[in-house]
């Protein structure tokens, strides 16, 4: 065992938090510097044990609790701000999805494309209808994701 290893053990041994190993005992018996450090640490511990612990100031507990409550309130404010931003983003997505779903030109275009498909025109009608279908699928996906995010945020904040 080296002096650095032994010096790392001085405080825990003096405080009786750690038992002395045979290797540490042998080092402390042969090294006057480490033995002096251990003896000094034991004297400090003995002096601390003789003294009575000072009483906390009268308003200490109230002050600490007030600080804890203040920090908790600030943390809750940050969560509230983040939740409000998430809700605002969800609303933008929902209204954007609703506007895309209610796009009257797209509905007319889709109805016309469906009519052409039903009349049997075939492949060209599918090519005309495909861009409108993608828009509606995307709008529905945005709406569902916004509603899902809203549900998730509301569920995770309930205690």
N, C-alpha and C. Protein backbone atom coordinates (compact mmCIF):
# COMPACT_ATOMS: atom_id res chain seq x y z
N UNK A 1 0.85 -1.17 0.00
CA UNK A 1 0.00 0.00 0.00
C UNK A 1 0.90 1.24 0.00
N UNK A 2 0.53 2.22 -0.80
CA UNK A 2 1.30 3.46 -0.88
C UNK A 2 0.75 4.49 0.10
N UNK A 3 1.50 5.54 0.30
CA UNK A 3 1.06 6.62 1.19
C UNK A 3 -0.21 7.28 0.65
N UNK A 4 -0.31 7.46 -0.65
CA UNK A 4 -1.52 8.06 -1.23
C UNK A 4 -2.75 7.22 -0.95
N UNK A 5 -2.61 5.88 -1.07
CA UNK A 5 -3.73 4.99 -0.78
C UNK A 5 -4.10 5.08 0.70
N UNK A 6 -3.11 5.11 1.56
CA UNK A 6 -3.36 5.16 3.00
C UNK A 6 -4.00 6.49 3.40
N UNK A 7 -3.52 7.59 2.82
CA UNK A 7 -4.09 8.91 3.14
C UNK A 7 -5.54 9.04 2.68
N UNK A 8 -5.89 8.32 1.61
CA UNK A 8 -7.29 8.31 1.17
C UNK A 8 -8.19 7.61 2.20
N UNK A 9 -7.61 6.71 2.99
CA UNK A 9 -8.38 5.94 3.97
C UNK A 9 -8.42 6.59 5.36
N UNK A 10 -7.62 7.63 5.59
CA UNK A 10 -7.50 8.22 6.93
C UNK A 10 -8.84 8.71 7.44
N UNK A 11 -9.55 9.54 6.71
CA UNK A 11 -10.82 10.11 7.18
C UNK A 11 -11.88 9.04 7.46
N UNK A 12 -12.13 8.10 6.52
CA UNK A 12 -13.13 7.07 6.83
C UNK A 12 -12.75 6.20 8.02
N UNK A 13 -11.46 5.91 8.19
CA UNK A 13 -11.04 5.09 9.34
C UNK A 13 -11.24 5.88 10.63
N UNK A 14 -10.87 7.16 10.64
CA UNK A 14 -11.01 7.98 11.84
C UNK A 14 -12.47 8.16 12.22
N UNK A 15 -13.34 8.24 11.24
CA UNK A 15 -14.77 8.42 11.51
C UNK A 15 -15.45 7.09 11.80
N UNK A 16 -14.72 5.99 11.78
CA UNK A 16 -15.24 4.64 12.00
C UNK A 16 -16.24 4.23 10.93
N UNK A 17 -16.06 4.78 9.74
CA UNK A 17 -16.90 4.39 8.61
C UNK A 17 -16.28 3.22 7.84
N UNK A 18 -15.02 2.94 8.12
CA UNK A 18 -14.30 1.91 7.40
C UNK A 18 -13.40 1.17 8.38
N UNK A 19 -13.41 -0.15 8.29
CA UNK A 19 -12.52 -0.95 9.15
C UNK A 19 -11.12 -0.95 8.56
N UNK A 20 -10.14 -1.02 9.43
CA UNK A 20 -8.74 -1.03 9.00
C UNK A 20 -8.41 -2.41 8.48
N UNK A 21 -7.94 -2.47 7.24
CA UNK A 21 -7.51 -3.74 6.66
C UNK A 21 -6.11 -4.08 7.16
N UNK A 22 -5.73 -5.32 7.09
CA UNK A 22 -4.36 -5.67 7.53
C UNK A 22 -3.28 -4.92 6.76
N UNK A 23 -3.50 -4.70 5.46
CA UNK A 23 -2.49 -3.97 4.68
C UNK A 23 -2.40 -2.53 5.14
N UNK A 24 -3.54 -1.91 5.42
CA UNK A 24 -3.55 -0.52 5.90
C UNK A 24 -2.92 -0.44 7.29
N UNK A 25 -3.25 -1.40 8.15
CA UNK A 25 -2.68 -1.41 9.51
C UNK A 25 -1.15 -1.51 9.44
N UNK A 26 -0.66 -2.38 8.57
CA UNK A 26 0.79 -2.55 8.42
C UNK A 26 1.42 -1.25 7.93
N UNK A 27 0.77 -0.57 7.01
CA UNK A 27 1.32 0.68 6.50
C UNK A 27 1.33 1.76 7.59
N UNK A 28 0.22 1.88 8.33
CA UNK A 28 0.16 2.90 9.39
C UNK A 28 1.19 2.63 10.49
N UNK A 29 1.54 1.37 10.73
CA UNK A 29 2.52 1.01 11.75
C UNK A 29 3.95 1.31 11.30
N UNK A 30 4.17 1.31 9.98
CA UNK A 30 5.53 1.51 9.48
C UNK A 30 5.79 2.91 8.92
N UNK A 31 4.74 3.70 8.66
CA UNK A 31 4.92 5.03 8.05
C UNK A 31 4.54 6.11 9.06
N UNK A 32 5.50 6.87 9.57
CA UNK A 32 5.20 7.89 10.57
C UNK A 32 4.31 9.01 10.04
N UNK A 33 4.45 9.37 8.78
CA UNK A 33 3.62 10.43 8.20
C UNK A 33 2.15 10.04 8.16
N UNK A 34 1.86 8.86 7.69
CA UNK A 34 0.47 8.39 7.61
C UNK A 34 -0.09 8.13 9.01
N UNK A 35 0.74 7.62 9.93
CA UNK A 35 0.29 7.39 11.30
C UNK A 35 -0.06 8.71 11.97
N UNK A 36 0.72 9.77 11.70
CA UNK A 36 0.42 11.09 12.27
C UNK A 36 -0.88 11.64 11.70
N UNK A 37 -1.11 11.43 10.40
CA UNK A 37 -2.35 11.91 9.78
C UNK A 37 -3.55 11.19 10.39
N UNK A 38 -3.42 9.87 10.62
CA UNK A 38 -4.52 9.12 11.23
C UNK A 38 -4.76 9.57 12.66
N UNK A 39 -3.69 9.79 13.42
CA UNK A 39 -3.84 10.24 14.81
C UNK A 39 -4.50 11.62 14.86
N UNK A 40 -4.11 12.51 13.96
CA UNK A 40 -4.70 13.84 13.91
C UNK A 40 -6.19 13.77 13.55
N UNK A 41 -6.52 12.93 12.59
CA UNK A 41 -7.92 12.78 12.19
C UNK A 41 -8.74 12.18 13.33
N UNK A 42 -8.17 11.26 14.08
CA UNK A 42 -8.89 10.67 15.22
C UNK A 42 -9.11 11.71 16.32
N UNK A 43 -8.12 12.59 16.55
CA UNK A 43 -8.31 13.66 17.54
C UNK A 43 -9.44 14.61 17.12
N UNK A 44 -9.48 14.95 15.85
CA UNK A 44 -10.55 15.82 15.35
C UNK A 44 -11.91 15.15 15.54
N UNK A 45 -12.00 13.88 15.21
CA UNK A 45 -13.26 13.15 15.38
C UNK A 45 -13.66 13.08 16.85
N UNK A 46 -12.69 12.86 17.73
CA UNK A 46 -12.99 12.80 19.17
C UNK A 46 -13.49 14.15 19.67
N UNK A 47 -12.87 15.24 19.22
CA UNK A 47 -13.30 16.58 19.62
C UNK A 47 -14.71 16.87 19.10
N UNK A 48 -14.98 16.48 17.89
CA UNK A 48 -16.34 16.68 17.34
C UNK A 48 -17.37 15.86 18.11
N UNK A 49 -17.00 14.67 18.53
CA UNK A 49 -17.93 13.83 19.29
C UNK A 49 -18.21 14.41 20.67
N UNK A 50 -17.23 15.09 21.28
CA UNK A 50 -17.43 15.70 22.60
C UNK A 50 -18.35 16.91 22.53
N UNK A 51 -18.33 17.61 21.46
CA UNK A 51 -19.14 18.84 21.35
C UNK A 51 -20.59 18.51 21.01
N UNK A 52 -21.44 19.35 21.53
CA UNK A 52 -22.87 19.20 21.23
C UNK A 52 -23.16 19.86 19.88
N UNK A 53 -24.01 19.23 19.11
CA UNK A 53 -24.36 19.78 17.79
C UNK A 53 -25.13 21.09 17.99
N UNK A 54 -24.78 22.12 17.25
CA UNK A 54 -25.47 23.40 17.42
C UNK A 54 -26.92 23.29 16.94
N UNK A 55 -27.77 24.04 17.59
CA UNK A 55 -29.18 24.06 17.21
C UNK A 55 -29.35 24.92 15.95
N UNK A 56 -30.29 24.54 15.15
CA UNK A 56 -30.58 25.30 13.94
C UNK A 56 -31.23 26.63 14.33
N UNK A 57 -31.00 27.67 13.54
CA UNK A 57 -31.65 28.95 13.83
C UNK A 57 -33.17 28.79 13.82
N UNK A 58 -33.84 29.72 14.45
CA UNK A 58 -35.29 29.61 14.64
C UNK A 58 -36.05 29.49 13.31
N UNK A 59 -35.68 30.25 12.31
CA UNK A 59 -36.43 30.24 11.05
C UNK A 59 -35.80 29.34 9.99
N UNK A 60 -34.85 28.51 10.39
CA UNK A 60 -34.12 27.69 9.42
C UNK A 60 -35.06 26.76 8.65
N UNK A 61 -35.87 26.01 9.36
CA UNK A 61 -36.77 25.04 8.72
C UNK A 61 -37.76 25.75 7.81
N UNK A 62 -38.33 26.83 8.29
CA UNK A 62 -39.30 27.57 7.47
C UNK A 62 -38.64 28.13 6.21
N UNK A 63 -37.42 28.63 6.35
CA UNK A 63 -36.72 29.19 5.19
C UNK A 63 -36.38 28.11 4.17
N UNK A 64 -35.92 26.97 4.65
CA UNK A 64 -35.59 25.87 3.73
C UNK A 64 -36.84 25.38 3.01
N UNK A 65 -37.93 25.20 3.75
CA UNK A 65 -39.17 24.75 3.12
C UNK A 65 -39.68 25.77 2.11
N UNK A 66 -39.54 27.06 2.42
CA UNK A 66 -39.97 28.10 1.50
C UNK A 66 -39.14 28.03 0.20
N UNK A 67 -37.84 27.82 0.32
CA UNK A 67 -37.00 27.71 -0.87
C UNK A 67 -37.35 26.47 -1.69
N UNK A 68 -37.62 25.38 -1.01
CA UNK A 68 -38.00 24.16 -1.72
C UNK A 68 -39.30 24.38 -2.48
N UNK A 69 -40.27 25.00 -1.82
CA UNK A 69 -41.55 25.27 -2.49
C UNK A 69 -41.35 26.20 -3.69
N UNK A 70 -40.51 27.21 -3.54
CA UNK A 70 -40.26 28.15 -4.63
C UNK A 70 -39.62 27.44 -5.82
N UNK A 71 -38.64 26.59 -5.55
CA UNK A 71 -37.99 25.84 -6.63
C UNK A 71 -38.97 24.88 -7.30
N UNK A 72 -39.82 24.25 -6.50
CA UNK A 72 -40.81 23.35 -7.07
C UNK A 72 -41.80 24.12 -7.93
N UNK A 73 -42.20 25.31 -7.47
CA UNK A 73 -43.12 26.13 -8.24
C UNK A 73 -42.49 26.56 -9.56
N UNK A 74 -41.19 26.92 -9.53
CA UNK A 74 -40.51 27.31 -10.77
C UNK A 74 -40.42 26.13 -11.73
N UNK A 75 -40.14 24.95 -11.20
CA UNK A 75 -40.08 23.76 -12.06
C UNK A 75 -41.44 23.48 -12.68
N UNK A 76 -42.50 23.64 -11.88
CA UNK A 76 -43.85 23.42 -12.41
C UNK A 76 -44.20 24.47 -13.46
N UNK A 77 -43.71 25.70 -13.28
CA UNK A 77 -43.95 26.74 -14.29
C UNK A 77 -43.28 26.36 -15.60
N UNK A 78 -42.08 25.81 -15.54
CA UNK A 78 -41.39 25.38 -16.76
C UNK A 78 -42.16 24.27 -17.45
N UNK A 79 -42.69 23.33 -16.68
CA UNK A 79 -43.50 22.26 -17.26
C UNK A 79 -44.76 22.85 -17.89
N UNK A 80 -45.38 23.81 -17.20
CA UNK A 80 -46.57 24.45 -17.75
C UNK A 80 -46.27 25.17 -19.06
N UNK A 81 -45.14 25.87 -19.12
CA UNK A 81 -44.77 26.57 -20.36
C UNK A 81 -44.56 25.57 -21.49
N UNK A 82 -43.85 24.50 -21.20
CA UNK A 82 -43.61 23.48 -22.22
C UNK A 82 -44.93 22.85 -22.67
N UNK A 83 -45.83 22.60 -21.73
CA UNK A 83 -47.13 22.04 -22.08
C UNK A 83 -47.90 23.01 -22.96
N UNK A 84 -47.87 24.31 -22.61
CA UNK A 84 -48.59 25.30 -23.41
C UNK A 84 -48.04 25.40 -24.83
N UNK A 85 -46.72 25.32 -24.96
CA UNK A 85 -46.12 25.33 -26.30
C UNK A 85 -46.55 24.08 -27.07
N UNK A 86 -46.57 22.94 -26.40
CA UNK A 86 -46.99 21.70 -27.07
C UNK A 86 -48.46 21.78 -27.49
N UNK A 87 -49.30 22.36 -26.64
CA UNK A 87 -50.72 22.50 -26.99
C UNK A 87 -50.88 23.47 -28.16
N UNK A 88 -50.12 24.57 -28.15
CA UNK A 88 -50.20 25.53 -29.26
C UNK A 88 -49.77 24.86 -30.57
N UNK A 89 -48.71 24.07 -30.52
CA UNK A 89 -48.26 23.35 -31.72
C UNK A 89 -49.33 22.35 -32.16
N UNK A 90 -49.95 21.68 -31.20
CA UNK A 90 -51.01 20.73 -31.54
C UNK A 90 -52.19 21.44 -32.19
N UNK A 91 -52.55 22.60 -31.65
CA UNK A 91 -53.67 23.35 -32.23
C UNK A 91 -53.35 23.81 -33.65
N UNK A 92 -52.12 24.28 -33.87
CA UNK A 92 -51.73 24.68 -35.22
C UNK A 92 -51.82 23.49 -36.16
N UNK A 93 -51.33 22.33 -35.70
CA UNK A 93 -51.42 21.13 -36.54
C UNK A 93 -52.87 20.72 -36.78
N UNK A 94 -53.69 20.81 -35.74
CA UNK A 94 -55.10 20.43 -35.90
C UNK A 94 -55.81 21.35 -36.88
N UNK A 95 -55.62 22.66 -36.71
CA UNK A 95 -56.29 23.59 -37.62
C UNK A 95 -55.75 23.50 -39.03
N UNK A 96 -54.44 23.25 -39.15
CA UNK A 96 -53.87 23.02 -40.47
C UNK A 96 -54.44 21.77 -41.11
N UNK A 97 -54.57 20.72 -40.33
CA UNK A 97 -55.16 19.49 -40.84
C UNK A 97 -56.62 19.66 -41.20
N UNK A 98 -57.34 20.39 -40.34
CA UNK A 98 -58.76 20.66 -40.62
C UNK A 98 -58.91 21.51 -41.88
N UNK A 99 -58.05 22.53 -42.03
CA UNK A 99 -58.12 23.36 -43.23
C UNK A 99 -57.81 22.53 -44.47
N UNK A 100 -56.84 21.62 -44.35
CA UNK A 100 -56.53 20.76 -45.50
C UNK A 100 -57.67 19.82 -45.80
N UNK A 101 -58.33 19.32 -44.76
CA UNK A 101 -59.47 18.43 -44.99
C UNK A 101 -60.66 19.18 -45.58
N UNK A 102 -60.81 20.43 -45.18
CA UNK A 102 -61.95 21.21 -45.67
C UNK A 102 -61.64 22.02 -46.92
N UNK A 103 -60.51 21.75 -47.52
CA UNK A 103 -60.16 22.45 -48.76
C UNK A 103 -61.20 22.09 -49.81
N UNK A 104 -62.06 23.04 -50.10
CA UNK A 104 -63.19 22.78 -50.99
C UNK A 104 -62.74 22.41 -52.39
N UNK A 105 -61.70 23.06 -52.89
CA UNK A 105 -61.20 22.70 -54.22
C UNK A 105 -60.72 21.26 -54.24
N UNK A 106 -60.05 20.85 -53.18
CA UNK A 106 -59.59 19.47 -53.10
C UNK A 106 -60.75 18.49 -53.04
N UNK A 107 -61.82 18.85 -52.30
CA UNK A 107 -63.00 17.98 -52.19
C UNK A 107 -63.67 17.84 -53.55
N UNK A 108 -63.82 18.97 -54.25
CA UNK A 108 -64.43 18.94 -55.59
C UNK A 108 -63.57 18.12 -56.54
N UNK A 109 -62.26 18.35 -56.46
CA UNK A 109 -61.34 17.61 -57.31
C UNK A 109 -61.43 16.12 -57.01
N UNK A 110 -61.49 15.78 -55.73
CA UNK A 110 -61.58 14.39 -55.33
C UNK A 110 -62.90 13.78 -55.79
N UNK A 111 -63.99 14.52 -55.61
CA UNK A 111 -65.30 14.01 -56.05
C UNK A 111 -65.31 13.79 -57.57
N UNK A 112 -64.71 14.73 -58.30
CA UNK A 112 -64.64 14.57 -59.75
C UNK A 112 -63.79 13.37 -60.13
N UNK A 113 -62.69 13.20 -59.42
CA UNK A 113 -61.82 12.06 -59.71
C UNK A 113 -62.51 10.75 -59.39
N UNK A 114 -63.23 10.72 -58.29
CA UNK A 114 -63.96 9.49 -57.94
C UNK A 114 -65.03 9.21 -59.00
N UNK A 115 -65.68 10.24 -59.45
CA UNK A 115 -66.72 10.05 -60.48
C UNK A 115 -66.10 9.49 -61.75
N UNK A 116 -64.95 10.00 -62.13
CA UNK A 116 -64.27 9.50 -63.33
C UNK A 116 -63.87 8.04 -63.12
N UNK A 117 -63.38 7.72 -61.95
CA UNK A 117 -63.00 6.33 -61.67
C UNK A 117 -64.24 5.44 -61.75
N UNK A 118 -65.35 5.92 -61.15
CA UNK A 118 -66.57 5.12 -61.19
C UNK A 118 -67.11 4.96 -62.60
N UNK A 119 -66.87 5.90 -63.46
CA UNK A 119 -67.32 5.80 -64.85
C UNK A 119 -66.40 4.93 -65.68
N UNK A 120 -65.36 4.45 -65.09
CA UNK A 120 -64.53 3.48 -65.78
C UNK A 120 -63.47 4.04 -66.68
N UNK A 121 -63.06 5.28 -66.49
CA UNK A 121 -62.03 5.84 -67.35
C UNK A 121 -60.71 5.12 -67.13
N UNK A 122 -60.46 4.70 -65.88
CA UNK A 122 -59.30 3.85 -65.65
C UNK A 122 -58.10 4.58 -65.09
N UNK A 123 -56.98 4.22 -65.68
CA UNK A 123 -55.70 4.63 -65.15
C UNK A 123 -55.49 6.15 -65.11
N UNK A 124 -55.96 6.87 -66.07
CA UNK A 124 -55.77 8.32 -66.07
C UNK A 124 -56.51 8.97 -64.90
N UNK A 125 -57.65 8.42 -64.52
CA UNK A 125 -58.38 8.96 -63.37
C UNK A 125 -57.61 8.75 -62.07
N UNK A 126 -56.95 7.62 -61.97
CA UNK A 126 -56.14 7.35 -60.77
C UNK A 126 -55.00 8.35 -60.69
N UNK A 127 -54.37 8.67 -61.83
CA UNK A 127 -53.29 9.65 -61.86
C UNK A 127 -53.79 11.03 -61.45
N UNK A 128 -55.01 11.37 -61.80
CA UNK A 128 -55.57 12.67 -61.42
C UNK A 128 -55.93 12.68 -59.93
N UNK A 129 -56.46 11.58 -59.43
CA UNK A 129 -56.91 11.52 -58.03
C UNK A 129 -55.76 11.33 -57.05
N UNK A 130 -54.67 10.74 -57.47
CA UNK A 130 -53.58 10.40 -56.54
C UNK A 130 -53.02 11.61 -55.78
N UNK A 131 -52.75 12.75 -56.42
CA UNK A 131 -52.23 13.88 -55.63
C UNK A 131 -53.21 14.36 -54.56
N UNK A 132 -54.49 14.37 -54.82
CA UNK A 132 -55.47 14.81 -53.84
C UNK A 132 -55.57 13.81 -52.69
N UNK A 133 -55.49 12.54 -52.97
CA UNK A 133 -55.58 11.52 -51.92
C UNK A 133 -54.40 11.67 -50.96
N UNK A 134 -53.22 11.92 -51.48
CA UNK A 134 -52.06 12.10 -50.63
C UNK A 134 -52.22 13.28 -49.69
N UNK A 135 -52.84 14.35 -50.21
CA UNK A 135 -53.05 15.52 -49.36
C UNK A 135 -54.01 15.18 -48.22
N UNK A 136 -55.06 14.45 -48.52
CA UNK A 136 -56.02 14.10 -47.47
C UNK A 136 -55.43 13.12 -46.46
N UNK A 137 -54.65 12.20 -46.93
CA UNK A 137 -53.99 11.27 -46.01
C UNK A 137 -53.02 12.03 -45.10
N UNK A 138 -52.26 12.96 -45.68
CA UNK A 138 -51.33 13.75 -44.88
C UNK A 138 -52.07 14.62 -43.87
N UNK A 139 -53.17 15.23 -44.29
CA UNK A 139 -53.94 16.08 -43.37
C UNK A 139 -54.54 15.23 -42.24
N UNK A 140 -55.05 14.07 -42.57
CA UNK A 140 -55.61 13.19 -41.54
C UNK A 140 -54.50 12.73 -40.59
N UNK A 141 -53.31 12.46 -41.12
CA UNK A 141 -52.19 12.07 -40.27
C UNK A 141 -51.78 13.19 -39.33
N UNK A 142 -51.75 14.43 -39.82
CA UNK A 142 -51.44 15.57 -38.97
C UNK A 142 -52.48 15.73 -37.87
N UNK A 143 -53.73 15.60 -38.24
CA UNK A 143 -54.80 15.73 -37.26
C UNK A 143 -54.69 14.64 -36.19
N UNK A 144 -54.49 13.41 -36.62
CA UNK A 144 -54.37 12.31 -35.66
C UNK A 144 -53.14 12.45 -34.78
N UNK A 145 -52.02 12.91 -35.34
CA UNK A 145 -50.83 13.09 -34.52
C UNK A 145 -51.02 14.21 -33.51
N UNK A 146 -51.71 15.29 -33.89
CA UNK A 146 -51.97 16.38 -32.94
C UNK A 146 -52.89 15.90 -31.82
N UNK A 147 -53.91 15.16 -32.17
CA UNK A 147 -54.81 14.63 -31.14
C UNK A 147 -54.09 13.63 -30.24
N UNK A 148 -53.22 12.83 -30.82
CA UNK A 148 -52.45 11.88 -30.04
C UNK A 148 -51.49 12.58 -29.09
N UNK A 149 -50.86 13.65 -29.55
CA UNK A 149 -49.96 14.40 -28.69
C UNK A 149 -50.74 15.06 -27.57
N UNK A 150 -51.89 15.58 -27.85
CA UNK A 150 -52.73 16.21 -26.83
C UNK A 150 -53.13 15.17 -25.78
N UNK A 151 -53.57 13.99 -26.24
CA UNK A 151 -53.95 12.92 -25.31
C UNK A 151 -52.76 12.52 -24.44
N UNK A 152 -51.56 12.35 -25.07
CA UNK A 152 -50.39 11.93 -24.33
C UNK A 152 -50.01 12.96 -23.28
N UNK A 153 -50.02 14.23 -23.63
CA UNK A 153 -49.64 15.29 -22.69
C UNK A 153 -50.63 15.35 -21.53
N UNK A 154 -51.90 15.21 -21.82
CA UNK A 154 -52.91 15.26 -20.77
C UNK A 154 -52.80 14.04 -19.86
N UNK A 155 -52.52 12.89 -20.41
CA UNK A 155 -52.40 11.66 -19.64
C UNK A 155 -51.16 11.69 -18.75
N UNK A 156 -50.04 12.19 -19.25
CA UNK A 156 -48.79 12.15 -18.49
C UNK A 156 -48.75 13.22 -17.40
N UNK A 157 -49.58 14.25 -17.45
CA UNK A 157 -49.57 15.28 -16.42
C UNK A 157 -50.54 15.00 -15.28
N UNK A 158 -51.38 14.00 -15.43
CA UNK A 158 -52.30 13.67 -14.35
C UNK A 158 -51.56 12.86 -13.30
N UNK A 159 -51.77 13.20 -12.03
CA UNK A 159 -51.08 12.50 -10.96
C UNK A 159 -52.02 11.51 -10.37
